[in-house]
Amino acid sequence: MSLFKKRTQQRAGIKAAQPPERPVEIDAKVAVEAEVQFAAEADAKAVPRKSQQQPSWAVWYAKFKVVATAGNPRLQLQGTDENIIDLMDHTPLQDAYNMGLDANQLGEQFAKDFDVGAFLRDNGIFK
């Protein structure tokens, strides 16, 4: 069971019905590269868009996540396949995508500026 699910259940007063799952060790770089590949394959099968210049949201998001995680490995939660970026509100990222911002540049900037510890504390994951 993920740390996020455990915290959610603890806050709701729900006890886990099963013993804690053993964390799976996943190389963050391999995981995000696989996600980019999966998104690219799904994009290739999708209905053609009017503008072939801009990738689909899934590909753009996967690229952003790969670059950000490479620049700030703490974004990948240790012992899980979860990434903090997946837990965040995606509205600002979708706005950036709609404005045509470069996923790589935005990911690099995000990696430099994002404070993982503050995010985890502010969201009740660590106190």
C-alpha atoms as a PDB file:
ATOM      1  CA  MET A   1       0.000   0.000   0.000  1.00  0.00           C
ATOM      2  CA  SER A   2       1.385   3.384  -0.910  1.00  0.00           C
ATOM      3  CA  LEU A   3       2.340   5.981   1.657  1.00  0.00           C
ATOM      4  CA  PHE A   4      -0.276   8.312   0.181  1.00  0.00           C
ATOM      5  CA  LYS A   5      -3.061   5.703   0.603  1.00  0.00           C
ATOM      6  CA  LYS A   6      -1.931   4.877   4.150  1.00  0.00           C
ATOM      7  CA  ARG A   7      -2.041   8.554   5.149  1.00  0.00           C
ATOM      8  CA  THR A   8      -5.451   8.986   3.543  1.00  0.00           C
ATOM      9  CA  GLN A   9      -6.812   5.981   5.405  1.00  0.00           C
ATOM     10  CA  GLN A  10      -5.261   7.141   8.671  1.00  0.00           C
ATOM     11  CA  ARG A  11      -6.896  10.546   8.317  1.00  0.00           C
ATOM     12  CA  ALA A  12     -10.247   8.905   7.582  1.00  0.00           C
ATOM     13  CA  GLY A  13      -9.868   6.473  10.507  1.00  0.00           C
ATOM     14  CA  ILE A  14      -9.869   3.430   8.238  1.00  0.00           C
ATOM     15  CA  LYS A  15      -7.647   0.531   9.202  1.00  0.00           C
ATOM     16  CA  ALA A  16      -5.879  -1.376   6.454  1.00  0.00           C
ATOM     17  CA  ALA A  17      -7.528  -4.753   5.889  1.00  0.00           C
ATOM     18  CA  GLN A  18      -4.333  -6.302   4.662  1.00  0.00           C
ATOM     19  CA  PRO A  19      -0.743  -6.321   5.840  1.00  0.00           C
ATOM     20  CA  PRO A  20       1.449  -3.556   4.431  1.00  0.00           C
ATOM     21  CA  GLU A  21       2.793  -4.292   1.005  1.00  0.00           C
ATOM     22  CA  ARG A  22       6.484  -4.678   0.622  1.00  0.00           C
ATOM     23  CA  PRO A  23       7.905  -1.696  -1.292  1.00  0.00           C
ATOM     24  CA  VAL A  24       8.923  -2.422  -4.836  1.00  0.00           C
ATOM     25  CA  GLU A  25      12.281  -1.015  -5.815  1.00  0.00           C
ATOM     26  CA  ILE A  26      11.937   0.742  -9.153  1.00  0.00           C
ATOM     27  CA  ASP A  27      14.602   2.829 -10.797  1.00  0.00           C
ATOM     28  CA  ALA A  28      12.987   6.247 -11.204  1.00  0.00           C
ATOM     29  CA  LYS A  29      14.683   6.934 -14.528  1.00  0.00           C
ATOM     30  CA  VAL A  30      13.539   3.600 -15.983  1.00  0.00           C
ATOM     31  CA  ALA A  31       9.986   4.184 -14.756  1.00  0.00           C
ATOM     32  CA  VAL A  32       9.633   7.638 -16.263  1.00  0.00           C
ATOM     33  CA  GLU A  33      11.280   6.598 -19.533  1.00  0.00           C
ATOM     34  CA  ALA A  34       8.777   3.745 -19.786  1.00  0.00           C
ATOM     35  CA  GLU A  35       5.976   6.221 -19.154  1.00  0.00           C
ATOM     36  CA  VAL A  36       7.213   8.473 -21.963  1.00  0.00           C
ATOM     37  CA  GLN A  37       7.419   5.475 -24.313  1.00  0.00           C
ATOM     38  CA  PHE A  38       3.912   4.348 -23.360  1.00  0.00           C
ATOM     39  CA  ALA A  39       2.516   7.859 -23.887  1.00  0.00           C
ATOM     40  CA  ALA A  40       4.263   8.170 -27.250  1.00  0.00           C
ATOM     41  CA  GLU A  41       2.857   4.829 -28.416  1.00  0.00           C
ATOM     42  CA  ALA A  42      -0.642   5.807 -27.277  1.00  0.00           C
ATOM     43  CA  ASP A  43      -0.244   9.154 -29.044  1.00  0.00           C
ATOM     44  CA  ALA A  44       0.748   7.421 -32.283  1.00  0.00           C
ATOM     45  CA  LYS A  45      -2.472   5.380 -32.198  1.00  0.00           C
ATOM     46  CA  ALA A  46      -4.663   8.414 -31.427  1.00  0.00           C
ATOM     47  CA  VAL A  47      -6.779  10.319 -33.911  1.00  0.00           C
ATOM     48  CA  PRO A  48      -4.586  12.800 -35.822  1.00  0.00           C
ATOM     49  CA  ARG A  49      -4.665  16.339 -34.432  1.00  0.00           C
ATOM     50  CA  LYS A  50      -4.968  19.515 -36.445  1.00  0.00           C
ATOM     51  CA  SER A  51      -1.516  20.612 -35.351  1.00  0.00           C
ATOM     52  CA  GLN A  52       1.200  18.002 -35.554  1.00  0.00           C
ATOM     53  CA  GLN A  53       3.645  20.517 -34.038  1.00  0.00           C
ATOM     54  CA  GLN A  54       2.439  20.013 -30.474  1.00  0.00           C
ATOM     55  CA  PRO A  55       2.540  16.573 -28.840  1.00  0.00           C
ATOM     56  CA  SER A  56      -0.477  15.234 -27.003  1.00  0.00           C
ATOM     57  CA  TRP A  57      -1.003  16.157 -23.365  1.00  0.00           C
ATOM     58  CA  ALA A  58       0.113  12.642 -22.308  1.00  0.00           C
ATOM     59  CA  VAL A  59       3.432  12.907 -24.162  1.00  0.00           C
ATOM     60  CA  TRP A  60       4.029  16.496 -23.013  1.00  0.00           C
ATOM     61  CA  TYR A  61       3.280  15.537 -19.388  1.00  0.00           C
ATOM     62  CA  ALA A  62       5.536  12.465 -19.529  1.00  0.00           C
ATOM     63  CA  LYS A  63       8.413  14.563 -20.919  1.00  0.00           C
ATOM     64  CA  PHE A  64       7.911  17.180 -18.204  1.00  0.00           C
ATOM     65  CA  LYS A  65       7.911  14.474 -15.531  1.00  0.00           C
ATOM     66  CA  VAL A  66      11.064  12.791 -16.879  1.00  0.00           C
ATOM     67  CA  VAL A  67      13.016  16.052 -17.021  1.00  0.00           C
ATOM     68  CA  ALA A  68      11.799  17.262 -13.618  1.00  0.00           C
ATOM     69  CA  THR A  69      12.519  13.931 -11.925  1.00  0.00           C
ATOM     70  CA  ALA A  70      15.959  13.717 -13.508  1.00  0.00           C
ATOM     71  CA  GLY A  71      16.723  17.201 -12.174  1.00  0.00           C
ATOM     72  CA  ASN A  72      15.239  16.511  -8.730  1.00  0.00           C
ATOM     73  CA  PRO A  73      15.243  12.759  -7.914  1.00  0.00           C
ATOM     74  CA  ARG A  74      13.379  13.410  -4.635  1.00  0.00           C
ATOM     75  CA  LEU A  75      10.216  13.822  -6.732  1.00  0.00           C
ATOM     76  CA  GLN A  76      10.128  10.024  -7.052  1.00  0.00           C
ATOM     77  CA  LEU A  77       8.856   8.695  -3.707  1.00  0.00           C
ATOM     78  CA  GLN A  78      11.345   6.172  -2.367  1.00  0.00           C
ATOM     79  CA  GLY A  79      10.212   2.554  -2.317  1.00  0.00           C
ATOM     80  CA  THR A  80       7.138   3.217  -4.475  1.00  0.00           C
ATOM     81  CA  ASP A  81       6.263   3.761  -8.091  1.00  0.00           C
ATOM     82  CA  GLU A  82       4.613   7.072  -7.190  1.00  0.00           C
ATOM     83  CA  ASN A  83       5.929  10.462  -8.177  1.00  0.00           C
ATOM     84  CA  ILE A  84       4.985  13.669  -6.385  1.00  0.00           C
ATOM     85  CA  ILE A  85       4.104  15.235  -9.739  1.00  0.00           C
ATOM     86  CA  ASP A  86       1.331  12.645 -10.133  1.00  0.00           C
ATOM     87  CA  LEU A  87      -0.155  13.701  -6.778  1.00  0.00           C
ATOM     88  CA  MET A  88      -0.273  17.402  -7.612  1.00  0.00           C
ATOM     89  CA  ASP A  89      -3.020  19.495  -9.187  1.00  0.00           C
ATOM     90  CA  HIS A  90      -2.327  19.354 -12.939  1.00  0.00           C
ATOM     91  CA  THR A  91      -4.274  22.498 -13.831  1.00  0.00           C
ATOM     92  CA  PRO A  92      -1.144  24.729 -13.999  1.00  0.00           C
ATOM     93  CA  LEU A  93       0.632  22.116 -16.130  1.00  0.00           C
ATOM     94  CA  GLN A  94      -2.360  21.813 -18.449  1.00  0.00           C
ATOM     95  CA  ASP A  95      -2.384  25.595 -18.772  1.00  0.00           C
ATOM     96  CA  ALA A  96       1.337  25.529 -19.661  1.00  0.00           C
ATOM     97  CA  TYR A  97       0.638  22.798 -22.221  1.00  0.00           C
ATOM     98  CA  ASN A  98      -2.221  24.808 -23.747  1.00  0.00           C
ATOM     99  CA  MET A  99       0.055  27.866 -23.974  1.00  0.00           C
ATOM    100  CA  GLY A 100       2.565  25.762 -25.907  1.00  0.00           C
ATOM    101  CA  LEU A 101       5.362  25.994 -23.323  1.00  0.00           C
ATOM    102  CA  ASP A 102       8.285  23.628 -23.736  1.00  0.00           C
ATOM    103  CA  ALA A 103       7.971  20.617 -21.407  1.00  0.00           C
ATOM    104  CA  ASN A 104      11.746  20.217 -21.127  1.00  0.00           C
ATOM    105  CA  GLN A 105      12.429  23.817 -20.093  1.00  0.00           C
ATOM    106  CA  LEU A 106       9.507  23.855 -17.674  1.00  0.00           C
ATOM    107  CA  GLY A 107      10.644  20.533 -16.169  1.00  0.00           C
ATOM    108  CA  GLU A 108      14.175  21.865 -15.631  1.00  0.00           C
ATOM    109  CA  GLN A 109      12.846  24.985 -13.919  1.00  0.00           C
ATOM    110  CA  PHE A 110      10.409  22.976 -11.810  1.00  0.00           C
ATOM    111  CA  ALA A 111      13.216  20.661 -10.635  1.00  0.00           C
ATOM    112  CA  LYS A 112      15.277  23.656  -9.506  1.00  0.00           C
ATOM    113  CA  ASP A 113      12.454  25.509  -7.755  1.00  0.00           C
ATOM    114  CA  PHE A 114      10.261  22.812  -6.212  1.00  0.00           C
ATOM    115  CA  ASP A 115      10.816  22.119  -2.498  1.00  0.00           C
ATOM    116  CA  VAL A 116       9.904  18.463  -1.969  1.00  0.00           C
ATOM    117  CA  GLY A 117      10.140  18.626   1.833  1.00  0.00           C
ATOM    118  CA  ALA A 118       7.807  21.610   2.070  1.00  0.00           C
ATOM    119  CA  PHE A 119       5.269  19.933  -0.233  1.00  0.00           C
ATOM    120  CA  LEU A 120       5.264  16.744   1.836  1.00  0.00           C
ATOM    121  CA  ARG A 121       4.939  18.660   5.120  1.00  0.00           C
ATOM    122  CA  ASP A 122       2.233  21.004   3.790  1.00  0.00           C
ATOM    123  CA  ASN A 123       0.177  18.045   2.568  1.00  0.00           C
ATOM    124  CA  GLY A 124       0.401  16.101   5.839  1.00  0.00           C
ATOM    125  CA  ILE A 125       2.581  13.318   4.507  1.00  0.00           C
ATOM    126  CA  PHE A 126       5.455  14.148   6.853  1.00  0.00           C
ATOM    127  CA  LYS A 127       5.175  16.288   9.934  1.00  0.00           C
END
